[in-house]
PDB file of N, CA and C in Angstrom:
ATOM      1  N   UNK A   1    -184.212 -20.428 -36.324  1.00  0.00           N
ATOM      2  CA  UNK A   1    -184.075 -21.465 -34.961  1.00  0.00           C
ATOM      3  C   UNK A   1    -183.628 -22.630 -35.914  1.00  0.00           C
ATOM      4  N   UNK A   2    -182.600 -23.083 -35.294  1.00  0.00           N
ATOM      5  CA  UNK A   2    -182.189 -24.617 -36.276  1.00  0.00           C
ATOM      6  C   UNK A   2    -182.760 -25.679 -35.778  1.00  0.00           C
ATOM      7  N   UNK A   3    -183.072 -26.466 -36.931  1.00  0.00           N
ATOM      8  CA  UNK A   3    -183.881 -27.791 -36.637  1.00  0.00           C
ATOM      9  C   UNK A   3    -183.230 -28.730 -35.389  1.00  0.00           C
ATOM     10  N   UNK A   4    -184.083 -29.780 -34.966  1.00  0.00           N
ATOM     11  CA  UNK A   4    -183.371 -30.546 -34.243  1.00  0.00           C
ATOM     12  C   UNK A   4    -182.423 -31.433 -34.827  1.00  0.00           C
ATOM     13  N   UNK A   5    -182.569 -31.988 -36.284  1.00  0.00           N
ATOM     14  CA  UNK A   5    -181.608 -32.486 -36.897  1.00  0.00           C
ATOM     15  C   UNK A   5    -180.245 -31.765 -37.106  1.00  0.00           C
ATOM     16  N   UNK A   6    -180.298 -30.436 -37.010  1.00  0.00           N
ATOM     17  CA  UNK A   6    -179.130 -29.771 -37.058  1.00  0.00           C
ATOM     18  C   UNK A   6    -178.407 -29.475 -35.774  1.00  0.00           C
ATOM     19  N   UNK A   7    -179.098 -29.448 -34.661  1.00  0.00           N
ATOM     20  CA  UNK A   7    -178.592 -29.738 -33.358  1.00  0.00           C
ATOM     21  C   UNK A   7    -178.001 -30.832 -33.062  1.00  0.00           C
ATOM     22  N   UNK A   8    -178.691 -31.876 -33.439  1.00  0.00           N
ATOM     23  CA  UNK A   8    -178.279 -33.365 -33.053  1.00  0.00           C
ATOM     24  C   UNK A   8    -176.796 -33.635 -33.749  1.00  0.00           C
ATOM     25  N   UNK A   9    -176.817 -32.986 -35.008  1.00  0.00           N
ATOM     26  CA  UNK A   9    -175.622 -33.582 -35.717  1.00  0.00           C
ATOM     27  C   UNK A   9    -174.412 -32.334 -35.142  1.00  0.00           C
ATOM     28  N   UNK A  10    -174.613 -31.305 -34.664  1.00  0.00           N
ATOM     29  CA  UNK A  10    -173.660 -30.411 -34.055  1.00  0.00           C
ATOM     30  C   UNK A  10    -173.223 -31.225 -32.681  1.00  0.00           C
ATOM     31  N   UNK A  11    -174.128 -31.628 -32.081  1.00  0.00           N
ATOM     32  CA  UNK A  11    -173.865 -32.237 -30.728  1.00  0.00           C
ATOM     33  C   UNK A  11    -172.960 -33.590 -30.767  1.00  0.00           C
ATOM     34  N   UNK A  12    -173.512 -34.243 -31.804  1.00  0.00           N
ATOM     35  CA  UNK A  12    -172.731 -35.604 -32.098  1.00  0.00           C
ATOM     36  C   UNK A  12    -171.333 -35.351 -32.627  1.00  0.00           C
ATOM     37  N   UNK A  13    -171.240 -34.334 -33.471  1.00  0.00           N
ATOM     38  CA  UNK A  13    -169.935 -33.876 -33.989  1.00  0.00           C
ATOM     39  C   UNK A  13    -168.927 -33.564 -32.799  1.00  0.00           C
ATOM     40  N   UNK A  14    -169.364 -32.765 -31.939  1.00  0.00           N
ATOM     41  CA  UNK A  14    -168.817 -32.190 -30.742  1.00  0.00           C
ATOM     42  C   UNK A  14    -168.384 -33.294 -29.904  1.00  0.00           C
ATOM     43  N   UNK A  15    -169.169 -34.240 -29.627  1.00  0.00           N
ATOM     44  CA  UNK A  15    -168.958 -35.498 -28.941  1.00  0.00           C
ATOM     45  C   UNK A  15    -167.715 -36.512 -29.332  1.00  0.00           C
ATOM     46  N   UNK A  16    -168.004 -36.591 -30.767  1.00  0.00           N
ATOM     47  CA  UNK A  16    -167.107 -37.495 -31.596  1.00  0.00           C
ATOM     48  C   UNK A  16    -165.637 -36.738 -31.474  1.00  0.00           C
ATOM     49  N   UNK A  17    -165.677 -35.386 -31.541  1.00  0.00           N
ATOM     50  CA  UNK A  17    -164.132 -34.821 -31.709  1.00  0.00           C
ATOM     51  C   UNK A  17    -163.687 -34.713 -30.444  1.00  0.00           C
ATOM     52  N   UNK A  18    -164.542 -34.465 -29.269  1.00  0.00           N
ATOM     53  CA  UNK A  18    -163.884 -34.431 -27.956  1.00  0.00           C
ATOM     54  C   UNK A  18    -163.404 -35.826 -27.544  1.00  0.00           C
ATOM     55  N   UNK A  19    -164.189 -37.009 -27.995  1.00  0.00           N
ATOM     56  CA  UNK A  19    -163.869 -38.009 -27.681  1.00  0.00           C
ATOM     57  C   UNK A  19    -162.404 -38.697 -28.270  1.00  0.00           C
ATOM     58  N   UNK A  20    -162.242 -38.036 -29.488  1.00  0.00           N
ATOM     59  CA  UNK A  20    -161.100 -38.382 -30.120  1.00  0.00           C
ATOM     60  C   UNK A  20    -159.754 -37.650 -29.810  1.00  0.00           C
ATOM     61  N   UNK A  21    -160.107 -36.545 -29.290  1.00  0.00           N
ATOM     62  CA  UNK A  21    -159.161 -35.580 -28.735  1.00  0.00           C
ATOM     63  C   UNK A  21    -158.599 -36.228 -27.395  1.00  0.00           C
ATOM     64  N   UNK A  22    -159.587 -36.387 -26.626  1.00  0.00           N
ATOM     65  CA  UNK A  22    -159.168 -37.268 -25.318  1.00  0.00           C
ATOM     66  C   UNK A  22    -158.312 -38.362 -25.497  1.00  0.00           C
ATOM     67  N   UNK A  23    -158.785 -39.266 -26.453  1.00  0.00           N
ATOM     68  CA  UNK A  23    -158.063 -40.628 -26.635  1.00  0.00           C
ATOM     69  C   UNK A  23    -156.612 -40.178 -27.265  1.00  0.00           C
ATOM     70  N   UNK A  24    -156.632 -39.379 -28.056  1.00  0.00           N
ATOM     71  CA  UNK A  24    -155.326 -39.026 -28.852  1.00  0.00           C
ATOM     72  C   UNK A  24    -154.230 -38.394 -27.825  1.00  0.00           C
ATOM     73  N   UNK A  25    -154.822 -37.520 -26.815  1.00  0.00           N
ATOM     74  CA  UNK A  25    -154.151 -36.905 -25.731  1.00  0.00           C
ATOM     75  C   UNK A  25    -153.509 -38.023 -25.087  1.00  0.00           C
ATOM     76  N   UNK A  26    -154.466 -38.971 -24.517  1.00  0.00           N
ATOM     77  CA  UNK A  26    -153.774 -40.094 -23.907  1.00  0.00           C
ATOM     78  C   UNK A  26    -152.778 -41.090 -24.512  1.00  0.00           C
ATOM     79  N   UNK A  27    -153.024 -41.105 -25.667  1.00  0.00           N
ATOM     80  CA  UNK A  27    -151.957 -41.840 -26.626  1.00  0.00           C
ATOM     81  C   UNK A  27    -150.648 -41.142 -26.522  1.00  0.00           C
ATOM     82  N   UNK A  28    -150.660 -39.812 -26.526  1.00  0.00           N
ATOM     83  CA  UNK A  28    -149.468 -39.132 -26.792  1.00  0.00           C
ATOM     84  C   UNK A  28    -148.736 -39.057 -25.252  1.00  0.00           C
ATOM     85  N   UNK A  29    -149.685 -38.889 -24.394  1.00  0.00           N
ATOM     86  CA  UNK A  29    -149.225 -38.791 -22.842  1.00  0.00           C
ATOM     87  C   UNK A  29    -148.483 -40.117 -22.463  1.00  0.00           C
ATOM     88  N   UNK A  30    -149.041 -41.025 -23.068  1.00  0.00           N
ATOM     89  CA  UNK A  30    -148.493 -42.517 -22.536  1.00  0.00           C
ATOM     90  C   UNK A  30    -147.160 -42.631 -23.177  1.00  0.00           C
ATOM     91  N   UNK A  31    -147.167 -42.059 -24.473  1.00  0.00           N
ATOM     92  CA  UNK A  31    -145.836 -42.342 -25.195  1.00  0.00           C
ATOM     93  C   UNK A  31    -144.973 -41.518 -24.613  1.00  0.00           C
ATOM     94  N   UNK A  32    -145.242 -40.345 -24.079  1.00  0.00           N
ATOM     95  CA  UNK A  32    -144.195 -39.503 -23.672  1.00  0.00           C
ATOM     96  C   UNK A  32    -143.672 -40.241 -22.134  1.00  0.00           C
ATOM     97  N   UNK A  33    -144.487 -40.658 -21.541  1.00  0.00           N
ATOM     98  CA  UNK A  33    -144.050 -41.223 -20.184  1.00  0.00           C
ATOM     99  C   UNK A  33    -143.149 -42.425 -20.513  1.00  0.00           C
ATOM    100  N   UNK A  34    -143.656 -43.222 -21.509  1.00  0.00           N
ATOM    101  CA  UNK A  34    -142.629 -44.298 -21.825  1.00  0.00           C
ATOM    102  C   UNK A  34    -141.321 -43.812 -22.106  1.00  0.00           C
ATOM    103  N   UNK A  35    -141.180 -42.832 -23.146  1.00  0.00           N
ATOM    104  CA  UNK A  35    -140.088 -42.232 -23.654  1.00  0.00           C
ATOM    105  C   UNK A  35    -139.032 -41.783 -22.399  1.00  0.00           C
ATOM    106  N   UNK A  36    -139.838 -41.001 -21.634  1.00  0.00           N
ATOM    107  CA  UNK A  36    -139.149 -40.290 -20.413  1.00  0.00           C
ATOM    108  C   UNK A  36    -138.795 -41.575 -19.457  1.00  0.00           C
ATOM    109  N   UNK A  37    -139.455 -42.428 -19.214  1.00  0.00           N
ATOM    110  CA  UNK A  37    -138.795 -43.728 -18.581  1.00  0.00           C
ATOM    111  C   UNK A  37    -137.759 -44.300 -18.996  1.00  0.00           C
ATOM    112  N   UNK A  38    -137.660 -44.243 -20.358  1.00  0.00           N
ATOM    113  CA  UNK A  38    -136.725 -44.809 -21.187  1.00  0.00           C
ATOM    114  C   UNK A  38    -135.331 -43.955 -21.124  1.00  0.00           C
ATOM    115  N   UNK A  39    -135.541 -42.726 -20.975  1.00  0.00           N
ATOM    116  CA  UNK A  39    -134.515 -41.683 -21.014  1.00  0.00           C
ATOM    117  C   UNK A  39    -133.828 -41.822 -19.301  1.00  0.00           C
ATOM    118  N   UNK A  40    -134.747 -41.734 -18.567  1.00  0.00           N
ATOM    119  CA  UNK A  40    -134.373 -41.569 -17.237  1.00  0.00           C
ATOM    120  C   UNK A  40    -133.646 -42.913 -16.459  1.00  0.00           C
ATOM    121  N   UNK A  41    -134.328 -44.038 -16.833  1.00  0.00           N
ATOM    122  CA  UNK A  41    -133.958 -45.304 -15.922  1.00  0.00           C
ATOM    123  C   UNK A  41    -133.003 -46.347 -16.762  1.00  0.00           C
ATOM    124  N   UNK A  42    -133.388 -46.422 -18.001  1.00  0.00           N
ATOM    125  CA  UNK A  42    -132.536 -47.256 -19.034  1.00  0.00           C
ATOM    126  C   UNK A  42    -132.322 -46.891 -20.144  1.00  0.00           C
ATOM    127  N   UNK A  43    -131.425 -46.041 -20.380  1.00  0.00           N
ATOM    128  CA  UNK A  43    -131.055 -45.562 -21.723  1.00  0.00           C
ATOM    129  C   UNK A  43    -130.344 -46.514 -22.589  1.00  0.00           C
ATOM    130  N   UNK A  44    -129.975 -47.720 -22.031  1.00  0.00           N
ATOM    131  CA  UNK A  44    -129.168 -48.813 -22.960  1.00  0.00           C
ATOM    132  C   UNK A  44    -130.031 -50.046 -22.773  1.00  0.00           C
ATOM    133  N   UNK A  45    -130.028 -50.928 -23.326  1.00  0.00           N
ATOM    134  CA  UNK A  45    -130.308 -52.239 -23.277  1.00  0.00           C
ATOM    135  C   UNK A  45    -131.400 -52.722 -23.870  1.00  0.00           C
ATOM    136  N   UNK A  46    -132.062 -53.887 -23.414  1.00  0.00           N
ATOM    137  CA  UNK A  46    -133.085 -54.561 -24.106  1.00  0.00           C
ATOM    138  C   UNK A  46    -134.486 -53.758 -23.721  1.00  0.00           C
ATOM    139  N   UNK A  47    -134.436 -53.516 -22.390  1.00  0.00           N
ATOM    140  CA  UNK A  47    -135.659 -52.740 -21.810  1.00  0.00           C
ATOM    141  C   UNK A  47    -135.724 -51.284 -22.600  1.00  0.00           C
ATOM    142  N   UNK A  48    -134.835 -50.785 -22.793  1.00  0.00           N
ATOM    143  CA  UNK A  48    -134.733 -49.319 -23.543  1.00  0.00           C
ATOM    144  C   UNK A  48    -135.616 -49.658 -24.846  1.00  0.00           C
ATOM    145  N   UNK A  49    -135.106 -50.788 -25.662  1.00  0.00           N
ATOM    146  CA  UNK A  49    -135.794 -50.999 -26.890  1.00  0.00           C
ATOM    147  C   UNK A  49    -137.097 -51.319 -26.853  1.00  0.00           C
ATOM    148  N   UNK A  50    -137.632 -51.994 -25.674  1.00  0.00           N
ATOM    149  CA  UNK A  50    -138.831 -52.289 -25.494  1.00  0.00           C
ATOM    150  C   UNK A  50    -139.912 -51.176 -25.304  1.00  0.00           C
ATOM    151  N   UNK A  51    -139.216 -50.208 -24.451  1.00  0.00           N
ATOM    152  CA  UNK A  51    -139.955 -48.966 -24.064  1.00  0.00           C
ATOM    153  C   UNK A  51    -139.964 -48.158 -25.318  1.00  0.00           C
ATOM    154  N   UNK A  52    -139.097 -48.118 -26.197  1.00  0.00           N
ATOM    155  CA  UNK A  52    -139.183 -47.243 -27.365  1.00  0.00           C
ATOM    156  C   UNK A  52    -140.033 -47.656 -28.429  1.00  0.00           C
ATOM    157  N   UNK A  53    -140.160 -49.097 -28.483  1.00  0.00           N
ATOM    158  CA  UNK A  53    -141.307 -49.970 -29.473  1.00  0.00           C
ATOM    159  C   UNK A  53    -142.741 -49.431 -28.957  1.00  0.00           C
ATOM    160  N   UNK A  54    -142.958 -49.750 -27.725  1.00  0.00           N
ATOM    161  CA  UNK A  54    -143.875 -49.501 -27.029  1.00  0.00           C
ATOM    162  C   UNK A  54    -144.487 -47.877 -27.336  1.00  0.00           C
ATOM    163  N   UNK A  55    -143.539 -47.095 -27.168  1.00  0.00           N
ATOM    164  CA  UNK A  55    -144.033 -45.603 -27.252  1.00  0.00           C
ATOM    165  C   UNK A  55    -144.217 -45.383 -28.918  1.00  0.00           C
ATOM    166  N   UNK A  56    -143.625 -46.049 -29.736  1.00  0.00           N
ATOM    167  CA  UNK A  56    -144.009 -45.951 -31.048  1.00  0.00           C
ATOM    168  C   UNK A  56    -145.364 -46.541 -31.407  1.00  0.00           C
ATOM    169  N   UNK A  57    -145.848 -47.683 -30.955  1.00  0.00           N
ATOM    170  CA  UNK A  57    -146.844 -48.226 -31.113  1.00  0.00           C
ATOM    171  C   UNK A  57    -147.934 -47.393 -30.676  1.00  0.00           C
ATOM    172  N   UNK A  58    -147.825 -46.698 -29.728  1.00  0.00           N
ATOM    173  CA  UNK A  58    -148.822 -45.563 -28.810  1.00  0.00           C
ATOM    174  C   UNK A  58    -149.099 -44.403 -29.873  1.00  0.00           C
ATOM    175  N   UNK A  59    -147.783 -44.262 -30.562  1.00  0.00           N
ATOM    176  CA  UNK A  59    -148.034 -42.933 -31.477  1.00  0.00           C
ATOM    177  C   UNK A  59    -148.626 -43.417 -32.784  1.00  0.00           C
ATOM    178  N   UNK A  60    -148.547 -44.987 -33.331  1.00  0.00           N
ATOM    179  CA  UNK A  60    -148.919 -45.086 -34.502  1.00  0.00           C
ATOM    180  C   UNK A  60    -150.476 -45.421 -34.387  1.00  0.00           C
ATOM    181  N   UNK A  61    -150.987 -45.607 -33.027  1.00  0.00           N
ATOM    182  CA  UNK A  61    -152.606 -45.791 -32.905  1.00  0.00           C
ATOM    183  C   UNK A  61    -153.117 -44.628 -33.236  1.00  0.00           C
ATOM    184  N   UNK A  62    -152.502 -43.471 -33.250  1.00  0.00           N
ATOM    185  CA  UNK A  62    -153.054 -42.111 -33.615  1.00  0.00           C
ATOM    186  C   UNK A  62    -153.798 -41.964 -35.152  1.00  0.00           C
ATOM    187  N   UNK A  63    -153.190 -42.628 -36.014  1.00  0.00           N
ATOM    188  CA  UNK A  63    -153.447 -42.902 -37.410  1.00  0.00           C
ATOM    189  C   UNK A  63    -154.884 -43.590 -37.313  1.00  0.00           C
ATOM    190  N   UNK A  64    -155.047 -44.900 -36.946  1.00  0.00           N
ATOM    191  CA  UNK A  64    -156.253 -45.364 -36.665  1.00  0.00           C
ATOM    192  C   UNK A  64    -157.537 -44.692 -36.240  1.00  0.00           C
ATOM    193  N   UNK A  65    -157.023 -43.919 -35.263  1.00  0.00           N
ATOM    194  CA  UNK A  65    -157.863 -42.983 -34.476  1.00  0.00           C
ATOM    195  C   UNK A  65    -158.259 -42.048 -35.437  1.00  0.00           C
ATOM    196  N   UNK A  66    -157.636 -41.217 -36.069  1.00  0.00           N
ATOM    197  CA  UNK A  66    -157.928 -40.115 -36.933  1.00  0.00           C
ATOM    198  C   UNK A  66    -158.780 -40.795 -38.164  1.00  0.00           C
ATOM    199  N   UNK A  67    -158.457 -41.978 -38.667  1.00  0.00           N
ATOM    200  CA  UNK A  67    -159.325 -42.416 -39.501  1.00  0.00           C
ATOM    201  C   UNK A  67    -160.817 -42.731 -39.061  1.00  0.00           C
ATOM    202  N   UNK A  68    -160.891 -43.419 -37.819  1.00  0.00           N
ATOM    203  CA  UNK A  68    -162.243 -43.603 -37.298  1.00  0.00           C
ATOM    204  C   UNK A  68    -163.129 -42.612 -37.018  1.00  0.00           C
ATOM    205  N   UNK A  69    -162.207 -41.316 -36.614  1.00  0.00           N
ATOM    206  CA  UNK A  69    -163.012 -40.086 -36.505  1.00  0.00           C
ATOM    207  C   UNK A  69    -163.576 -39.499 -37.656  1.00  0.00           C
ATOM    208  N   UNK A  70    -162.670 -39.601 -38.679  1.00  0.00           N
ATOM    209  CA  UNK A  70    -163.165 -39.454 -40.295  1.00  0.00           C
ATOM    210  C   UNK A  70    -164.550 -40.156 -40.656  1.00  0.00           C
ATOM    211  N   UNK A  71    -164.450 -41.231 -40.204  1.00  0.00           N
ATOM    212  CA  UNK A  71    -165.479 -42.063 -40.642  1.00  0.00           C
ATOM    213  C   UNK A  71    -166.652 -41.900 -39.886  1.00  0.00           C
ATOM    214  N   UNK A  72    -166.430 -41.352 -38.623  1.00  0.00           N
ATOM    215  CA  UNK A  72    -167.752 -41.280 -37.786  1.00  0.00           C
ATOM    216  C   UNK A  72    -168.195 -39.791 -37.925  1.00  0.00           C
ATOM    217  N   UNK A  73    -167.376 -38.819 -38.526  1.00  0.00           N
ATOM    218  CA  UNK A  73    -167.988 -37.691 -38.755  1.00  0.00           C
ATOM    219  C   UNK A  73    -168.711 -37.645 -40.168  1.00  0.00           C
ATOM    220  N   UNK A  74    -168.426 -38.508 -41.096  1.00  0.00           N
ATOM    221  CA  UNK A  74    -169.108 -38.748 -42.293  1.00  0.00           C
ATOM    222  C   UNK A  74    -170.524 -39.358 -42.040  1.00  0.00           C
ATOM    223  N   UNK A  75    -170.541 -40.254 -41.115  1.00  0.00           N
ATOM    224  CA  UNK A  75    -171.672 -40.894 -40.884  1.00  0.00           C
ATOM    225  C   UNK A  75    -172.698 -39.954 -40.167  1.00  0.00           C
ATOM    226  N   UNK A  76    -172.130 -39.356 -39.145  1.00  0.00           N
ATOM    227  CA  UNK A  76    -173.163 -38.316 -38.560  1.00  0.00           C
ATOM    228  C   UNK A  76    -173.427 -37.112 -39.505  1.00  0.00           C
ATOM    229  N   UNK A  77    -172.608 -36.824 -40.334  1.00  0.00           N
ATOM    230  CA  UNK A  77    -173.026 -35.633 -41.382  1.00  0.00           C
ATOM    231  C   UNK A  77    -174.105 -36.357 -42.511  1.00  0.00           C
ATOM    232  N   UNK A  78    -174.260 -37.654 -42.612  1.00  0.00           N
ATOM    233  CA  UNK A  78    -174.954 -38.195 -43.524  1.00  0.00           C
ATOM    234  C   UNK A  78    -176.454 -38.330 -43.061  1.00  0.00           C
ATOM    235  N   UNK A  79    -176.549 -38.260 -41.502  1.00  0.00           N
ATOM    236  CA  UNK A  79    -177.924 -38.279 -41.169  1.00  0.00           C
ATOM    237  C   UNK A  79    -178.553 -39.486 -40.566  1.00  0.00           C
ATOM    238  N   UNK A  80    -178.030 -40.738 -41.058  1.00  0.00           N
ATOM    239  CA  UNK A  80    -178.462 -41.683 -41.090  1.00  0.00           C
ATOM    240  C   UNK A  80    -178.992 -42.232 -39.394  1.00  0.00           C
ATOM    241  N   UNK A  81    -178.007 -41.697 -38.689  1.00  0.00           N
ATOM    242  CA  UNK A  81    -178.310 -41.930 -37.080  1.00  0.00           C
ATOM    243  C   UNK A  81    -179.323 -41.017 -36.559  1.00  0.00           C
ATOM    244  N   UNK A  82    -179.560 -39.872 -37.085  1.00  0.00           N
ATOM    245  CA  UNK A  82    -180.662 -39.070 -36.422  1.00  0.00           C
ATOM    246  C   UNK A  82    -182.112 -39.815 -36.919  1.00  0.00           C
ATOM    247  N   UNK A  83    -181.983 -40.246 -38.221  1.00  0.00           N
ATOM    248  CA  UNK A  83    -183.389 -40.922 -38.764  1.00  0.00           C
ATOM    249  C   UNK A  83    -183.438 -42.218 -37.922  1.00  0.00           C
ATOM    250  N   UNK A  84    -182.725 -42.962 -37.748  1.00  0.00           N
ATOM    251  CA  UNK A  84    -182.699 -44.017 -37.033  1.00  0.00           C
ATOM    252  C   UNK A  84    -183.110 -43.953 -35.535  1.00  0.00           C
ATOM    253  N   UNK A  85    -183.008 -42.892 -34.908  1.00  0.00           N
ATOM    254  CA  UNK A  85    -183.285 -42.609 -33.626  1.00  0.00           C
ATOM    255  C   UNK A  85    -184.906 -42.341 -33.504  1.00  0.00           C
ATOM    256  N   UNK A  86    -185.450 -41.793 -34.556  1.00  0.00           N
ATOM    257  CA  UNK A  86    -186.847 -41.339 -34.646  1.00  0.00           C
ATOM    258  C   UNK A  86    -187.775 -42.615 -34.725  1.00  0.00           C
ATOM    259  N   UNK A  87    -187.196 -43.846 -34.938  1.00  0.00           N
ATOM    260  CA  UNK A  87    -188.235 -45.298 -34.908  1.00  0.00           C
ATOM    261  C   UNK A  87    -188.063 -46.011 -33.561  1.00  0.00           C
TER     262      UNK A  87
END
């Protein structure tokens, strides 16, 4: 039978990954919507450039998201959070 510490770590990892996937999926979705709007309604001009820049910013936000997930998983694996909850 797994210990409570192992169960807590497993649940916390699952929640962190799920949260990152939902956030990342939302960023990709909004970038695709911006690119589709650019393609359908204004393929030229300043608005097109603005939509392209916004879509690229959305996609660039995936990098900090991945880095924060990596950091969070290290924190969870260290067990400090589980030990702090016992006080």
